[in-house]
């Protein structure tokens, strides 16, 4: 389940299956596979990076982007808003709310999204830049990619609350090790989640 998920640092991931799917590619250093699908959660430069998109774009790449920022990407772009679902090349993509509740960086009104992507029958939730929000109680997933760094998102202790709402099988800590957060935050999450949940701290492939 977890072997096809590659953490590229910060909130950036690549999912390998029959297709190559990127989420919020940023600071890509190595030569990486071209993208079939790219998902963008919001418009901040550490999530929507034109320089990095250019590194992985091929003629038939499909971009799925939070609607307010879709016109900043060139190519085949599918705008999406929280609550909407689309299918791209057989991959089910559902956009969910992603916002701050106690800080101004990512207001709900901005229309930012997280994604639940179904790949090979596995539901992978990328939370985007968010705090713990009530809508997490409606999310059904097998793997949850959750921010733990604090300051711009929920911190590790708050991420434990998110885990209790979402009830995933596996959690991967993200949004640490670059702008904010450290491995200690990932360790804090791992120490506090229910025993039924497996925390997998991936090594960044940068």
N, C-alpha and C. Protein backbone atom coordinates (compact mmCIF):
# COMPACT_ATOMS: atom_id res chain seq x y z
N UNK A 1 0.83 -1.21 0.00
CA UNK A 1 0.00 0.00 0.00
C UNK A 1 0.86 1.26 0.00
N UNK A 2 1.95 1.25 0.78
CA UNK A 2 2.75 2.45 0.95
C UNK A 2 3.92 2.50 -0.01
N UNK A 3 4.26 1.37 -0.62
CA UNK A 3 5.47 1.30 -1.43
C UNK A 3 5.47 2.16 -2.67
N UNK A 4 4.29 2.50 -3.17
CA UNK A 4 4.20 3.30 -4.39
C UNK A 4 4.10 4.79 -4.10
N UNK A 5 4.17 5.17 -2.82
CA UNK A 5 4.08 6.58 -2.44
C UNK A 5 5.47 7.09 -2.11
N UNK A 6 5.89 8.12 -2.83
CA UNK A 6 7.23 8.69 -2.64
C UNK A 6 7.10 10.12 -2.13
N UNK A 7 7.74 10.38 -0.98
CA UNK A 7 7.74 11.74 -0.43
C UNK A 7 8.91 12.49 -1.04
N UNK A 8 8.63 13.60 -1.66
CA UNK A 8 9.65 14.39 -2.34
C UNK A 8 10.07 15.61 -1.51
N UNK A 9 9.73 15.57 -0.23
CA UNK A 9 10.03 16.67 0.68
C UNK A 9 8.85 17.61 0.83
N UNK A 10 8.78 18.24 2.01
CA UNK A 10 7.74 19.23 2.31
C UNK A 10 6.35 18.60 2.13
N UNK A 11 5.54 19.11 1.20
CA UNK A 11 4.20 18.54 0.97
C UNK A 11 4.11 17.90 -0.41
N UNK A 12 5.26 17.59 -0.99
CA UNK A 12 5.35 17.09 -2.36
C UNK A 12 5.44 15.57 -2.39
N UNK A 13 4.61 14.95 -3.24
CA UNK A 13 4.58 13.49 -3.34
C UNK A 13 4.48 13.05 -4.79
N UNK A 14 4.96 11.83 -5.02
CA UNK A 14 4.72 11.15 -6.30
C UNK A 14 4.13 9.78 -6.00
N UNK A 15 3.07 9.44 -6.69
CA UNK A 15 2.43 8.13 -6.55
C UNK A 15 2.64 7.38 -7.86
N UNK A 16 3.27 6.21 -7.77
CA UNK A 16 3.56 5.40 -8.95
C UNK A 16 2.58 4.24 -9.02
N UNK A 17 1.92 4.11 -10.12
CA UNK A 17 1.07 2.96 -10.40
C UNK A 17 1.16 2.75 -11.90
N UNK A 18 0.07 2.44 -12.55
CA UNK A 18 0.08 2.41 -14.00
C UNK A 18 0.34 3.81 -14.55
N UNK A 19 -0.03 4.82 -13.77
CA UNK A 19 0.21 6.21 -14.12
C UNK A 19 1.13 6.84 -13.08
N UNK A 20 1.78 7.95 -13.45
CA UNK A 20 2.62 8.71 -12.53
C UNK A 20 1.84 9.95 -12.11
N UNK A 21 1.58 10.05 -10.79
CA UNK A 21 0.76 11.13 -10.24
C UNK A 21 1.61 11.94 -9.26
N UNK A 22 1.67 13.24 -9.46
CA UNK A 22 2.34 14.13 -8.52
C UNK A 22 1.31 14.96 -7.77
N UNK A 23 1.65 15.27 -6.51
CA UNK A 23 0.85 16.21 -5.73
C UNK A 23 1.79 17.31 -5.24
N UNK A 24 1.47 18.54 -5.57
CA UNK A 24 2.22 19.73 -5.14
C UNK A 24 3.74 19.57 -5.35
N UNK A 25 4.19 19.26 -6.57
CA UNK A 25 5.63 19.10 -6.78
C UNK A 25 6.39 20.42 -6.53
N UNK A 26 7.50 20.31 -5.79
CA UNK A 26 8.26 21.50 -5.38
C UNK A 26 9.70 21.12 -5.09
N UNK A 27 10.61 21.93 -5.57
CA UNK A 27 12.05 21.73 -5.37
C UNK A 27 12.50 20.35 -5.82
N UNK A 28 12.08 19.96 -7.00
CA UNK A 28 12.49 18.68 -7.56
C UNK A 28 13.95 18.79 -8.01
N UNK A 29 14.81 17.99 -7.41
CA UNK A 29 16.24 18.07 -7.68
C UNK A 29 16.72 16.97 -8.63
N UNK A 30 16.25 15.76 -8.41
CA UNK A 30 16.68 14.63 -9.22
C UNK A 30 15.93 14.61 -10.54
N UNK A 31 16.45 13.84 -11.48
CA UNK A 31 15.68 13.55 -12.69
C UNK A 31 14.53 12.65 -12.28
N UNK A 32 13.32 13.08 -12.55
CA UNK A 32 12.13 12.35 -12.10
C UNK A 32 11.26 12.00 -13.30
N UNK A 33 10.40 10.99 -13.15
CA UNK A 33 9.53 10.61 -14.28
C UNK A 33 8.58 11.73 -14.67
N UNK A 34 8.23 11.80 -15.93
CA UNK A 34 7.22 12.75 -16.38
C UNK A 34 5.87 12.40 -15.78
N UNK A 35 5.02 13.39 -15.64
CA UNK A 35 3.73 13.23 -14.97
C UNK A 35 2.63 12.89 -15.95
N UNK A 36 1.79 11.94 -15.55
CA UNK A 36 0.52 11.74 -16.24
C UNK A 36 -0.54 12.67 -15.67
N UNK A 37 -0.53 12.80 -14.33
CA UNK A 37 -1.49 13.65 -13.63
C UNK A 37 -0.74 14.44 -12.57
N UNK A 38 -1.05 15.72 -12.44
CA UNK A 38 -0.51 16.55 -11.37
C UNK A 38 -1.66 17.18 -10.61
N UNK A 39 -1.65 17.05 -9.29
CA UNK A 39 -2.67 17.65 -8.43
C UNK A 39 -2.04 18.82 -7.68
N UNK A 40 -2.72 19.96 -7.68
CA UNK A 40 -2.23 21.16 -6.98
C UNK A 40 -3.29 21.59 -5.98
N UNK A 41 -2.88 21.73 -4.71
CA UNK A 41 -3.84 22.02 -3.65
C UNK A 41 -4.19 23.50 -3.53
N UNK A 42 -3.20 24.39 -3.78
CA UNK A 42 -3.46 25.83 -3.68
C UNK A 42 -2.31 26.59 -4.31
N UNK A 43 -2.40 27.92 -4.25
CA UNK A 43 -1.53 28.75 -5.05
C UNK A 43 -0.22 29.20 -4.44
N UNK A 44 0.07 28.86 -3.20
CA UNK A 44 1.34 29.28 -2.61
C UNK A 44 2.50 28.63 -3.35
N UNK A 45 3.62 29.34 -3.43
CA UNK A 45 4.72 28.93 -4.31
C UNK A 45 5.38 27.62 -3.91
N UNK A 46 5.21 27.19 -2.67
CA UNK A 46 5.76 25.89 -2.26
C UNK A 46 4.79 24.75 -2.57
N UNK A 47 3.72 25.05 -3.27
CA UNK A 47 2.75 24.04 -3.68
C UNK A 47 2.44 24.14 -5.17
N UNK A 48 2.37 25.37 -5.67
CA UNK A 48 2.19 25.60 -7.10
C UNK A 48 3.45 26.30 -7.61
N UNK A 49 4.36 25.50 -8.16
CA UNK A 49 5.66 25.98 -8.60
C UNK A 49 5.78 25.79 -10.11
N UNK A 50 5.63 26.84 -10.91
CA UNK A 50 5.75 26.70 -12.36
C UNK A 50 7.07 26.06 -12.80
N UNK A 51 8.15 26.40 -12.10
CA UNK A 51 9.45 25.83 -12.44
C UNK A 51 9.44 24.31 -12.30
N UNK A 52 8.83 23.82 -11.25
CA UNK A 52 8.79 22.37 -11.03
C UNK A 52 7.78 21.70 -11.94
N UNK A 53 6.67 22.35 -12.20
CA UNK A 53 5.71 21.78 -13.15
C UNK A 53 6.35 21.58 -14.51
N UNK A 54 7.19 22.53 -14.92
CA UNK A 54 7.84 22.43 -16.22
C UNK A 54 8.76 21.22 -16.31
N UNK A 55 9.33 20.80 -15.19
CA UNK A 55 10.26 19.67 -15.18
C UNK A 55 9.57 18.33 -15.44
N UNK A 56 8.27 18.26 -15.16
CA UNK A 56 7.58 16.97 -15.24
C UNK A 56 6.46 16.94 -16.28
N UNK A 57 6.26 18.08 -16.95
CA UNK A 57 5.16 18.16 -17.92
C UNK A 57 5.54 17.47 -19.23
N UNK A 58 4.61 16.67 -19.74
CA UNK A 58 4.72 16.10 -21.07
C UNK A 58 3.46 16.50 -21.84
N UNK A 59 3.39 16.25 -23.15
CA UNK A 59 2.26 16.77 -23.93
C UNK A 59 0.88 16.37 -23.41
N UNK A 60 0.76 15.18 -22.82
CA UNK A 60 -0.57 14.73 -22.39
C UNK A 60 -0.77 14.79 -20.87
N UNK A 61 0.08 15.53 -20.17
CA UNK A 61 -0.10 15.69 -18.72
C UNK A 61 -1.41 16.41 -18.42
N UNK A 62 -2.16 15.90 -17.45
CA UNK A 62 -3.40 16.54 -17.01
C UNK A 62 -3.16 17.15 -15.63
N UNK A 63 -3.50 18.41 -15.49
CA UNK A 63 -3.36 19.12 -14.22
C UNK A 63 -4.74 19.27 -13.58
N UNK A 64 -4.84 18.92 -12.31
CA UNK A 64 -6.05 19.17 -11.53
C UNK A 64 -5.66 20.18 -10.46
N UNK A 65 -6.34 21.30 -10.43
CA UNK A 65 -5.91 22.41 -9.58
C UNK A 65 -7.10 23.06 -8.89
N UNK A 66 -6.89 23.48 -7.64
CA UNK A 66 -7.92 24.27 -6.95
C UNK A 66 -8.35 25.41 -7.86
N UNK A 67 -9.64 25.56 -8.01
CA UNK A 67 -10.22 26.43 -9.04
C UNK A 67 -9.65 27.86 -9.09
N UNK A 68 -9.43 28.53 -7.95
CA UNK A 68 -8.99 29.92 -8.05
C UNK A 68 -7.62 30.11 -8.70
N UNK A 69 -6.83 29.02 -8.79
CA UNK A 69 -5.46 29.14 -9.29
C UNK A 69 -5.27 28.43 -10.63
N UNK A 70 -6.32 27.84 -11.16
CA UNK A 70 -6.19 27.00 -12.35
C UNK A 70 -5.70 27.78 -13.56
N UNK A 71 -6.04 29.06 -13.63
CA UNK A 71 -5.66 29.84 -14.81
C UNK A 71 -4.19 30.25 -14.80
N UNK A 72 -3.46 29.89 -13.76
CA UNK A 72 -2.03 30.19 -13.71
C UNK A 72 -1.19 29.05 -14.27
N UNK A 73 -1.83 27.94 -14.64
CA UNK A 73 -1.13 26.78 -15.18
C UNK A 73 -1.47 26.64 -16.66
N UNK A 74 -0.47 26.41 -17.47
CA UNK A 74 -0.69 26.21 -18.89
C UNK A 74 -0.85 24.73 -19.19
N UNK A 75 -1.72 24.41 -20.14
CA UNK A 75 -1.90 23.03 -20.55
C UNK A 75 -3.32 22.55 -20.31
N UNK A 76 -3.46 21.25 -20.16
CA UNK A 76 -4.76 20.61 -19.94
C UNK A 76 -5.08 20.67 -18.45
N UNK A 77 -5.84 21.68 -18.05
CA UNK A 77 -6.09 21.94 -16.63
C UNK A 77 -7.55 21.70 -16.31
N UNK A 78 -7.80 20.95 -15.24
CA UNK A 78 -9.15 20.70 -14.76
C UNK A 78 -9.34 21.42 -13.43
N UNK A 79 -10.03 22.54 -13.40
CA UNK A 79 -10.29 23.23 -12.13
C UNK A 79 -11.21 22.40 -11.25
N UNK A 80 -11.00 22.52 -9.94
CA UNK A 80 -11.84 21.75 -9.02
C UNK A 80 -12.03 22.54 -7.73
N UNK A 81 -13.18 22.36 -7.10
CA UNK A 81 -13.52 23.02 -5.85
C UNK A 81 -13.81 21.99 -4.78
N UNK A 82 -13.73 22.38 -3.50
CA UNK A 82 -14.05 21.44 -2.43
C UNK A 82 -15.43 20.81 -2.63
N UNK A 83 -15.49 19.50 -2.49
CA UNK A 83 -16.74 18.77 -2.63
C UNK A 83 -16.95 18.18 -4.01
N UNK A 84 -16.14 18.59 -4.99
CA UNK A 84 -16.29 18.07 -6.35
C UNK A 84 -15.43 16.83 -6.58
N UNK A 85 -15.89 15.98 -7.48
CA UNK A 85 -15.17 14.76 -7.85
C UNK A 85 -15.04 14.69 -9.36
N UNK A 86 -13.90 14.22 -9.84
CA UNK A 86 -13.71 13.97 -11.26
C UNK A 86 -12.94 12.67 -11.43
N UNK A 87 -12.92 12.18 -12.65
CA UNK A 87 -12.11 11.01 -12.98
C UNK A 87 -11.17 11.40 -14.11
N UNK A 88 -9.91 11.11 -13.94
CA UNK A 88 -8.90 11.40 -14.96
C UNK A 88 -8.15 10.12 -15.27
N UNK A 89 -8.31 9.63 -16.48
CA UNK A 89 -7.62 8.41 -16.93
C UNK A 89 -7.85 7.24 -15.97
N UNK A 90 -9.07 7.13 -15.51
CA UNK A 90 -9.43 6.03 -14.63
C UNK A 90 -9.10 6.24 -13.17
N UNK A 91 -8.52 7.39 -12.82
CA UNK A 91 -8.17 7.70 -11.44
C UNK A 91 -9.26 8.58 -10.84
N UNK A 92 -9.88 8.11 -9.77
CA UNK A 92 -10.89 8.90 -9.08
C UNK A 92 -10.24 9.96 -8.20
N UNK A 93 -10.68 11.20 -8.36
CA UNK A 93 -10.10 12.32 -7.63
C UNK A 93 -11.23 13.11 -6.98
N UNK A 94 -11.20 13.20 -5.67
CA UNK A 94 -12.23 13.93 -4.92
C UNK A 94 -11.56 15.06 -4.15
N UNK A 95 -12.03 16.28 -4.34
CA UNK A 95 -11.47 17.44 -3.65
C UNK A 95 -12.22 17.67 -2.34
N UNK A 96 -11.46 17.93 -1.29
CA UNK A 96 -12.05 18.16 0.03
C UNK A 96 -11.56 19.50 0.56
N UNK A 97 -12.28 20.09 1.52
CA UNK A 97 -11.85 21.38 2.06
C UNK A 97 -10.48 21.30 2.72
N UNK A 98 -9.76 22.41 2.68
CA UNK A 98 -8.43 22.52 3.30
C UNK A 98 -8.25 23.98 3.70
N UNK A 99 -8.20 24.26 5.00
CA UNK A 99 -8.14 25.65 5.44
C UNK A 99 -7.67 25.75 6.88
N UNK A 100 -7.28 26.96 7.26
CA UNK A 100 -6.88 27.25 8.64
C UNK A 100 -8.09 27.70 9.45
N UNK A 101 -8.06 27.36 10.72
CA UNK A 101 -9.12 27.78 11.64
C UNK A 101 -8.64 28.81 12.65
N UNK A 102 -7.33 28.88 12.88
CA UNK A 102 -6.82 29.78 13.93
C UNK A 102 -5.60 30.57 13.48
N UNK A 103 -5.46 30.71 12.15
CA UNK A 103 -4.38 31.50 11.58
C UNK A 103 -4.83 32.01 10.22
N UNK A 104 -4.24 33.07 9.69
CA UNK A 104 -4.79 33.73 8.50
C UNK A 104 -4.25 33.23 7.16
N UNK A 105 -3.34 32.27 7.17
CA UNK A 105 -2.60 31.94 5.95
C UNK A 105 -3.43 31.28 4.86
N UNK A 106 -4.39 30.44 5.27
CA UNK A 106 -5.19 29.69 4.31
C UNK A 106 -6.66 29.76 4.71
N UNK A 107 -7.31 30.89 4.42
CA UNK A 107 -8.72 31.03 4.82
C UNK A 107 -9.62 30.10 4.02
N UNK A 108 -10.72 29.74 4.62
CA UNK A 108 -11.68 28.86 3.94
C UNK A 108 -12.18 29.48 2.65
N UNK A 109 -12.30 30.80 2.64
CA UNK A 109 -12.81 31.50 1.47
C UNK A 109 -11.88 31.41 0.26
N UNK A 110 -10.63 30.98 0.46
CA UNK A 110 -9.67 30.91 -0.64
C UNK A 110 -9.98 29.78 -1.62
N UNK A 111 -10.75 28.79 -1.19
CA UNK A 111 -11.09 27.68 -2.08
C UNK A 111 -9.99 26.66 -2.25
N UNK A 112 -9.05 26.61 -1.30
CA UNK A 112 -8.00 25.59 -1.35
C UNK A 112 -8.58 24.21 -1.14
N UNK A 113 -7.86 23.19 -1.61
CA UNK A 113 -8.38 21.84 -1.50
C UNK A 113 -7.32 20.87 -0.98
N UNK A 114 -7.80 19.78 -0.41
CA UNK A 114 -7.04 18.56 -0.26
C UNK A 114 -7.62 17.57 -1.26
N UNK A 115 -7.01 16.42 -1.38
CA UNK A 115 -7.48 15.42 -2.36
C UNK A 115 -7.57 14.04 -1.73
N UNK A 116 -8.61 13.31 -2.11
CA UNK A 116 -8.65 11.87 -1.89
C UNK A 116 -8.55 11.23 -3.28
N UNK A 117 -7.44 10.56 -3.51
CA UNK A 117 -7.15 9.95 -4.80
C UNK A 117 -7.23 8.43 -4.66
N UNK A 118 -7.97 7.79 -5.53
CA UNK A 118 -8.09 6.33 -5.47
C UNK A 118 -7.20 5.72 -6.54
N UNK A 119 -6.18 5.02 -6.09
CA UNK A 119 -5.18 4.43 -6.98
C UNK A 119 -5.07 2.94 -6.66
N UNK A 120 -5.39 2.11 -7.62
CA UNK A 120 -5.31 0.67 -7.39
C UNK A 120 -6.17 0.21 -6.24
N UNK A 121 -7.31 0.85 -6.06
CA UNK A 121 -8.23 0.48 -4.99
C UNK A 121 -7.88 1.05 -3.64
N UNK A 122 -6.77 1.81 -3.54
CA UNK A 122 -6.32 2.41 -2.29
C UNK A 122 -6.67 3.90 -2.29
N UNK A 123 -7.30 4.35 -1.25
CA UNK A 123 -7.69 5.76 -1.14
C UNK A 123 -6.62 6.53 -0.36
N UNK A 124 -6.00 7.49 -1.04
CA UNK A 124 -4.91 8.27 -0.46
C UNK A 124 -5.39 9.71 -0.29
N UNK A 125 -5.32 10.19 0.94
CA UNK A 125 -5.77 11.55 1.26
C UNK A 125 -4.57 12.45 1.47
N UNK A 126 -4.44 13.48 0.65
CA UNK A 126 -3.44 14.53 0.84
C UNK A 126 -4.18 15.74 1.39
N UNK A 127 -3.84 16.15 2.59
CA UNK A 127 -4.64 17.15 3.30
C UNK A 127 -4.42 18.57 2.82
N UNK A 128 -3.31 18.84 2.09
CA UNK A 128 -2.99 20.22 1.76
C UNK A 128 -2.57 20.98 3.01
N UNK A 129 -2.57 22.30 2.92
CA UNK A 129 -2.21 23.13 4.07
C UNK A 129 -3.47 23.43 4.87
N UNK A 130 -3.63 22.73 5.97
CA UNK A 130 -4.88 22.80 6.71
C UNK A 130 -4.64 22.64 8.20
N UNK A 131 -5.60 23.11 8.97
CA UNK A 131 -5.70 22.76 10.38
C UNK A 131 -6.66 21.58 10.50
N UNK A 132 -6.91 21.15 11.72
CA UNK A 132 -7.96 20.16 11.95
C UNK A 132 -9.30 20.84 11.67
N UNK A 133 -10.09 20.25 10.79
CA UNK A 133 -11.37 20.84 10.42
C UNK A 133 -12.48 19.80 10.54
N UNK A 134 -13.71 20.23 10.79
CA UNK A 134 -14.80 19.28 11.00
C UNK A 134 -15.02 18.34 9.82
N UNK A 135 -14.75 18.83 8.60
CA UNK A 135 -14.99 18.03 7.41
C UNK A 135 -14.14 16.77 7.36
N UNK A 136 -13.09 16.72 8.16
CA UNK A 136 -12.25 15.51 8.18
C UNK A 136 -13.02 14.29 8.66
N UNK A 137 -14.07 14.53 9.43
CA UNK A 137 -14.88 13.41 9.90
C UNK A 137 -15.62 12.69 8.79
N UNK A 138 -15.71 13.33 7.62
CA UNK A 138 -16.40 12.72 6.47
C UNK A 138 -15.45 12.06 5.49
N UNK A 139 -14.15 12.17 5.74
CA UNK A 139 -13.17 11.64 4.80
C UNK A 139 -12.95 10.15 5.05
N UNK A 140 -13.01 9.38 3.98
CA UNK A 140 -12.73 7.95 4.05
C UNK A 140 -11.47 7.67 3.25
N UNK A 141 -10.45 7.15 3.91
CA UNK A 141 -9.20 6.87 3.20
C UNK A 141 -8.46 5.73 3.89
N UNK A 142 -7.53 5.17 3.15
CA UNK A 142 -6.64 4.15 3.70
C UNK A 142 -5.34 4.75 4.20
N UNK A 143 -4.83 5.72 3.43
CA UNK A 143 -3.57 6.40 3.75
C UNK A 143 -3.84 7.90 3.85
N UNK A 144 -3.37 8.51 4.92
CA UNK A 144 -3.53 9.96 5.11
C UNK A 144 -2.16 10.62 5.15
N UNK A 145 -1.95 11.59 4.27
CA UNK A 145 -0.73 12.39 4.25
C UNK A 145 -1.05 13.70 4.96
N UNK A 146 -0.54 13.85 6.18
CA UNK A 146 -0.98 14.95 7.06
C UNK A 146 0.17 15.88 7.43
N UNK A 147 -0.06 17.19 7.38
CA UNK A 147 0.97 18.14 7.83
C UNK A 147 1.13 18.09 9.34
N UNK A 148 2.38 18.29 9.78
CA UNK A 148 2.65 18.25 11.22
C UNK A 148 3.53 19.42 11.67
N UNK A 149 3.94 20.29 10.75
CA UNK A 149 4.96 21.29 11.07
C UNK A 149 4.50 22.48 11.87
N UNK A 150 3.19 22.73 11.92
CA UNK A 150 2.70 23.90 12.65
C UNK A 150 2.97 25.19 11.89
N UNK A 151 2.68 26.30 12.51
CA UNK A 151 2.82 27.67 12.01
C UNK A 151 1.86 27.98 10.88
N UNK A 152 1.96 27.27 9.75
CA UNK A 152 1.06 27.49 8.63
C UNK A 152 -0.02 26.41 8.54
N UNK A 153 0.16 25.34 9.28
CA UNK A 153 -0.77 24.20 9.28
C UNK A 153 -0.94 23.71 10.70
N UNK A 154 -1.66 22.63 10.86
CA UNK A 154 -1.74 22.01 12.18
C UNK A 154 -0.36 21.48 12.57
N UNK A 155 -0.13 21.40 13.88
CA UNK A 155 1.12 20.82 14.36
C UNK A 155 0.90 19.33 14.66
N UNK A 156 1.91 18.68 15.19
CA UNK A 156 1.85 17.23 15.38
C UNK A 156 0.74 16.82 16.35
N UNK A 157 0.60 17.57 17.44
CA UNK A 157 -0.43 17.21 18.42
C UNK A 157 -1.82 17.38 17.82
N UNK A 158 -1.99 18.44 17.02
CA UNK A 158 -3.29 18.64 16.36
C UNK A 158 -3.53 17.58 15.30
N UNK A 159 -2.45 17.13 14.66
CA UNK A 159 -2.59 16.07 13.67
C UNK A 159 -3.11 14.78 14.28
N UNK A 160 -2.81 14.56 15.55
CA UNK A 160 -3.37 13.39 16.25
C UNK A 160 -4.89 13.50 16.29
N UNK A 161 -5.41 14.69 16.52
CA UNK A 161 -6.86 14.89 16.48
C UNK A 161 -7.41 14.56 15.10
N UNK A 162 -6.69 14.98 14.07
CA UNK A 162 -7.13 14.68 12.70
C UNK A 162 -7.17 13.18 12.46
N UNK A 163 -6.18 12.46 12.96
CA UNK A 163 -6.16 11.01 12.80
C UNK A 163 -7.38 10.38 13.45
N UNK A 164 -7.75 10.87 14.61
CA UNK A 164 -8.92 10.31 15.30
C UNK A 164 -10.21 10.58 14.52
N UNK A 165 -10.25 11.69 13.81
CA UNK A 165 -11.43 11.99 12.99
C UNK A 165 -11.47 11.14 11.73
N UNK A 166 -10.31 10.99 11.10
CA UNK A 166 -10.25 10.34 9.78
C UNK A 166 -10.22 8.82 9.89
N UNK A 167 -9.53 8.30 10.91
CA UNK A 167 -9.38 6.87 11.13
C UNK A 167 -8.76 6.13 9.93
N UNK A 168 -7.60 6.60 9.45
CA UNK A 168 -6.93 5.90 8.36
C UNK A 168 -6.20 4.66 8.88
N UNK A 169 -5.75 3.83 7.97
CA UNK A 169 -4.92 2.69 8.35
C UNK A 169 -3.46 3.13 8.53
N UNK A 170 -3.03 4.02 7.66
CA UNK A 170 -1.64 4.49 7.64
C UNK A 170 -1.62 6.01 7.58
N UNK A 171 -0.68 6.61 8.31
CA UNK A 171 -0.46 8.06 8.25
C UNK A 171 0.98 8.34 7.86
N UNK A 172 1.17 9.27 6.94
CA UNK A 172 2.49 9.73 6.55
C UNK A 172 2.61 11.20 6.94
N UNK A 173 3.51 11.55 7.85
CA UNK A 173 3.69 12.96 8.20
C UNK A 173 4.32 13.73 7.04
N UNK A 174 3.86 14.96 6.83
CA UNK A 174 4.44 15.82 5.78
C UNK A 174 4.50 17.25 6.29
N UNK A 175 4.96 18.15 5.42
CA UNK A 175 5.08 19.57 5.75
C UNK A 175 6.00 19.76 6.94
N UNK A 176 7.12 19.05 6.89
CA UNK A 176 8.17 19.23 7.88
C UNK A 176 9.52 19.06 7.17
N UNK A 177 10.57 19.62 7.77
CA UNK A 177 11.91 19.41 7.25
C UNK A 177 12.38 20.42 6.23
N UNK A 178 11.52 21.34 5.79
CA UNK A 178 11.93 22.35 4.82
C UNK A 178 11.67 23.73 5.40
N UNK A 179 10.48 24.25 5.21
CA UNK A 179 10.17 25.60 5.70
C UNK A 179 9.94 25.60 7.20
N UNK A 180 9.17 24.64 7.67
CA UNK A 180 8.87 24.52 9.10
C UNK A 180 8.91 23.05 9.49
N UNK A 181 8.99 22.80 10.79
CA UNK A 181 8.87 21.44 11.29
C UNK A 181 10.17 20.64 11.20
N UNK A 182 10.22 19.58 12.00
CA UNK A 182 11.40 18.72 12.05
C UNK A 182 10.96 17.28 12.23
N UNK A 183 11.94 16.40 12.22
CA UNK A 183 11.63 14.99 12.42
C UNK A 183 11.00 14.75 13.78
N UNK A 184 11.30 15.60 14.72
CA UNK A 184 10.68 15.49 16.05
C UNK A 184 9.16 15.57 15.95
N UNK A 185 8.66 16.40 15.05
CA UNK A 185 7.21 16.52 14.89
C UNK A 185 6.62 15.21 14.36
N UNK A 186 7.31 14.58 13.43
CA UNK A 186 6.85 13.29 12.93
C UNK A 186 6.87 12.24 14.03
N UNK A 187 7.89 12.29 14.86
CA UNK A 187 8.00 11.34 15.97
C UNK A 187 6.91 11.58 17.01
N UNK A 188 6.57 12.84 17.24
CA UNK A 188 5.49 13.17 18.18
C UNK A 188 4.18 12.58 17.71
N UNK A 189 3.90 12.72 16.42
CA UNK A 189 2.67 12.14 15.88
C UNK A 189 2.66 10.63 16.07
N UNK A 190 3.76 9.99 15.74
CA UNK A 190 3.84 8.53 15.82
C UNK A 190 3.62 8.03 17.25
N UNK A 191 4.06 8.80 18.22
CA UNK A 191 3.96 8.38 19.61
C UNK A 191 2.56 8.53 20.18
N UNK A 192 1.71 9.31 19.52
CA UNK A 192 0.43 9.67 20.13
C UNK A 192 -0.81 9.13 19.42
N UNK A 193 -0.65 8.58 18.22
CA UNK A 193 -1.83 8.09 17.51
C UNK A 193 -2.32 6.78 18.12
N UNK A 194 -3.58 6.41 17.90
CA UNK A 194 -4.08 5.12 18.37
C UNK A 194 -3.23 3.97 17.83
N UNK A 195 -3.13 2.90 18.58
CA UNK A 195 -2.28 1.78 18.19
C UNK A 195 -2.75 1.10 16.92
N UNK A 196 -4.01 1.31 16.56
CA UNK A 196 -4.54 0.71 15.33
C UNK A 196 -4.04 1.40 14.07
N UNK A 197 -3.38 2.56 14.23
CA UNK A 197 -2.92 3.35 13.10
C UNK A 197 -1.41 3.22 12.98
N UNK A 198 -0.94 2.95 11.79
CA UNK A 198 0.50 2.86 11.53
C UNK A 198 1.01 4.19 10.99
N UNK A 199 2.02 4.73 11.63
CA UNK A 199 2.66 5.96 11.14
C UNK A 199 3.93 5.56 10.40
N UNK A 200 4.03 5.99 9.15
CA UNK A 200 5.21 5.69 8.32
C UNK A 200 5.88 7.02 7.99
N UNK A 201 7.05 7.25 8.55
CA UNK A 201 7.82 8.46 8.26
C UNK A 201 8.76 8.16 7.10
N UNK A 202 8.44 8.70 5.94
CA UNK A 202 9.22 8.43 4.75
C UNK A 202 10.47 9.30 4.70
N UNK A 203 11.49 8.80 4.05
CA UNK A 203 12.70 9.59 3.81
C UNK A 203 12.48 10.38 2.54
N UNK A 204 12.78 11.67 2.59
CA UNK A 204 12.53 12.52 1.44
C UNK A 204 13.46 12.15 0.28
N UNK A 205 12.87 11.99 -0.88
CA UNK A 205 13.63 11.66 -2.09
C UNK A 205 13.92 12.95 -2.84
N UNK A 206 14.93 13.67 -2.42
CA UNK A 206 15.25 14.97 -3.03
C UNK A 206 16.63 14.93 -3.67
